[in-house]
Amino acid sequence: GKLWCGCQNQIHVINPLAFNIEISFHVTSDSSRTVQCLVSSGQGVWVASQQSSKVMLFHAVTYEFLHEVSIAQAVSQKLQSSDDIIRQ
């Protein structure tokens, strides 16, 4: 297995058996958007960055960027329904 670590706006993939960093790459060119969360799912790793409404998917073996999903609309709808409940 590999250990994926977020540090500032970069991902470092560590081989815990060999005690070395296999690869490092930037998630974004904006250094103010640090990696907030990493979640593995099958052959993919989802990455969320600070102050970003986009979640990125990387291949867990090749480290290739696969997809980007905007969650802005879903979050806005959820927050709007929360506001409605609070007003009642």
C-alpha atoms as a PDB file:
ATOM      1  CA  GLY A   1       0.000   0.000   0.000  1.00  0.00           C
ATOM      2  CA  LYS A   2       0.846   3.651  -0.351  1.00  0.00           C
ATOM      3  CA  LEU A   3       0.330   6.562   2.008  1.00  0.00           C
ATOM      4  CA  TRP A   4      -1.032   9.736   0.389  1.00  0.00           C
ATOM      5  CA  CYS A   5      -0.193  12.908   2.330  1.00  0.00           C
ATOM      6  CA  GLY A   6      -1.285  16.471   1.684  1.00  0.00           C
ATOM      7  CA  CYS A   7       1.163  19.247   2.454  1.00  0.00           C
ATOM      8  CA  GLN A   8       0.177  22.791   1.482  1.00  0.00           C
ATOM      9  CA  ASN A   9      -0.968  22.526  -2.173  1.00  0.00           C
ATOM     10  CA  GLN A  10       0.941  19.306  -2.884  1.00  0.00           C
ATOM     11  CA  ILE A  11       0.394  15.572  -2.582  1.00  0.00           C
ATOM     12  CA  HIS A  12       3.250  13.300  -1.530  1.00  0.00           C
ATOM     13  CA  VAL A  13       2.803   9.558  -2.082  1.00  0.00           C
ATOM     14  CA  ILE A  14       4.934   7.599   0.359  1.00  0.00           C
ATOM     15  CA  ASN A  15       5.959   3.946   0.224  1.00  0.00           C
ATOM     16  CA  PRO A  16       5.904   2.977   3.920  1.00  0.00           C
ATOM     17  CA  LEU A  17       7.914  -0.215   3.339  1.00  0.00           C
ATOM     18  CA  ALA A  18      10.771   1.502   1.496  1.00  0.00           C
ATOM     19  CA  PHE A  19      10.557   4.699   3.602  1.00  0.00           C
ATOM     20  CA  ASN A  20      10.664   6.953   0.545  1.00  0.00           C
ATOM     21  CA  ILE A  21       8.495   9.426  -1.328  1.00  0.00           C
ATOM     22  CA  GLU A  22       7.512   7.811  -4.624  1.00  0.00           C
ATOM     23  CA  ILE A  23       6.041  10.917  -6.204  1.00  0.00           C
ATOM     24  CA  SER A  24       5.078  14.478  -5.327  1.00  0.00           C
ATOM     25  CA  PHE A  25       2.792  16.685  -7.386  1.00  0.00           C
ATOM     26  CA  HIS A  26       0.905  19.967  -7.085  1.00  0.00           C
ATOM     27  CA  VAL A  27      -2.860  19.722  -6.795  1.00  0.00           C
ATOM     28  CA  THR A  28      -3.245  23.397  -7.687  1.00  0.00           C
ATOM     29  CA  SER A  29      -0.929  26.215  -8.645  1.00  0.00           C
ATOM     30  CA  ASP A  30      -2.543  28.414  -5.969  1.00  0.00           C
ATOM     31  CA  SER A  31      -0.377  27.977  -2.863  1.00  0.00           C
ATOM     32  CA  SER A  32      -3.127  29.409  -0.624  1.00  0.00           C
ATOM     33  CA  ARG A  33      -5.404  26.428  -1.384  1.00  0.00           C
ATOM     34  CA  THR A  34      -4.017  23.706   0.828  1.00  0.00           C
ATOM     35  CA  VAL A  35      -5.085  20.071   0.657  1.00  0.00           C
ATOM     36  CA  GLN A  36      -7.872  19.630   3.214  1.00  0.00           C
ATOM     37  CA  CYS A  37      -9.053  16.063   2.702  1.00  0.00           C
ATOM     38  CA  LEU A  38      -7.987  12.857   0.925  1.00  0.00           C
ATOM     39  CA  VAL A  39     -10.380   9.924   0.456  1.00  0.00           C
ATOM     40  CA  SER A  40      -9.590   6.666  -1.319  1.00  0.00           C
ATOM     41  CA  SER A  41     -12.307   4.966  -3.333  1.00  0.00           C
ATOM     42  CA  GLY A  42     -11.393   1.857  -5.303  1.00  0.00           C
ATOM     43  CA  GLN A  43      -8.643   2.805  -7.746  1.00  0.00           C
ATOM     44  CA  GLY A  44      -9.151   6.522  -7.136  1.00  0.00           C
ATOM     45  CA  VAL A  45      -8.239   9.152  -4.575  1.00  0.00           C
ATOM     46  CA  TRP A  46     -10.521  12.157  -4.126  1.00  0.00           C
ATOM     47  CA  VAL A  47      -8.821  15.404  -3.089  1.00  0.00           C
ATOM     48  CA  ALA A  48     -10.515  18.486  -1.625  1.00  0.00           C
ATOM     49  CA  SER A  49      -8.651  21.777  -1.286  1.00  0.00           C
ATOM     50  CA  GLN A  50      -9.248  24.651   1.120  1.00  0.00           C
ATOM     51  CA  GLN A  51     -11.547  27.410  -0.175  1.00  0.00           C
ATOM     52  CA  SER A  52     -12.417  25.447  -3.312  1.00  0.00           C
ATOM     53  CA  SER A  53     -15.804  24.173  -4.433  1.00  0.00           C
ATOM     54  CA  LYS A  54     -14.143  21.572  -6.645  1.00  0.00           C
ATOM     55  CA  VAL A  55     -13.142  18.031  -5.734  1.00  0.00           C
ATOM     56  CA  MET A  56     -10.482  16.312  -7.858  1.00  0.00           C
ATOM     57  CA  LEU A  57     -10.073  12.612  -8.622  1.00  0.00           C
ATOM     58  CA  PHE A  58      -6.652  11.032  -9.164  1.00  0.00           C
ATOM     59  CA  HIS A  59      -5.812   7.447 -10.142  1.00  0.00           C
ATOM     60  CA  ALA A  60      -4.399   5.673  -7.073  1.00  0.00           C
ATOM     61  CA  VAL A  61      -1.757   3.723  -9.035  1.00  0.00           C
ATOM     62  CA  THR A  62      -0.740   5.967 -11.957  1.00  0.00           C
ATOM     63  CA  TYR A  63      -1.371   9.250 -10.055  1.00  0.00           C
ATOM     64  CA  GLU A  64      -3.033  10.591 -13.204  1.00  0.00           C
ATOM     65  CA  PHE A  65      -5.594  13.395 -12.825  1.00  0.00           C
ATOM     66  CA  LEU A  66      -8.912  11.870 -13.902  1.00  0.00           C
ATOM     67  CA  HIS A  67     -11.768  14.238 -13.149  1.00  0.00           C
ATOM     68  CA  GLU A  68     -12.899  17.393 -11.376  1.00  0.00           C
ATOM     69  CA  VAL A  69     -16.358  17.818  -9.861  1.00  0.00           C
ATOM     70  CA  SER A  70     -17.906  21.092  -8.736  1.00  0.00           C
ATOM     71  CA  ILE A  71     -19.967  20.716  -5.574  1.00  0.00           C
ATOM     72  CA  ALA A  72     -20.927  24.407  -5.348  1.00  0.00           C
ATOM     73  CA  GLN A  73     -24.568  23.931  -6.341  1.00  0.00           C
ATOM     74  CA  ALA A  74     -25.126  20.977  -3.984  1.00  0.00           C
ATOM     75  CA  VAL A  75     -23.588  22.868  -1.063  1.00  0.00           C
ATOM     76  CA  SER A  76     -25.646  25.996  -1.809  1.00  0.00           C
ATOM     77  CA  GLN A  77     -28.867  23.977  -1.920  1.00  0.00           C
ATOM     78  CA  LYS A  78     -28.047  22.231   1.347  1.00  0.00           C
ATOM     79  CA  LEU A  79     -27.211  25.512   3.078  1.00  0.00           C
ATOM     80  CA  GLN A  80     -30.374  27.123   1.722  1.00  0.00           C
ATOM     81  CA  SER A  81     -32.554  24.354   3.171  1.00  0.00           C
ATOM     82  CA  SER A  82     -30.724  24.717   6.503  1.00  0.00           C
ATOM     83  CA  ASP A  83     -31.472  28.443   6.517  1.00  0.00           C
ATOM     84  CA  ASP A  84     -35.173  27.703   5.911  1.00  0.00           C
ATOM     85  CA  ILE A  85     -35.275  25.361   8.919  1.00  0.00           C
ATOM     86  CA  ILE A  86     -33.570  27.924  11.167  1.00  0.00           C
ATOM     87  CA  ARG A  87     -36.080  30.638  10.163  1.00  0.00           C
ATOM     88  CA  GLN A  88     -39.083  28.534  11.272  1.00  0.00           C
END
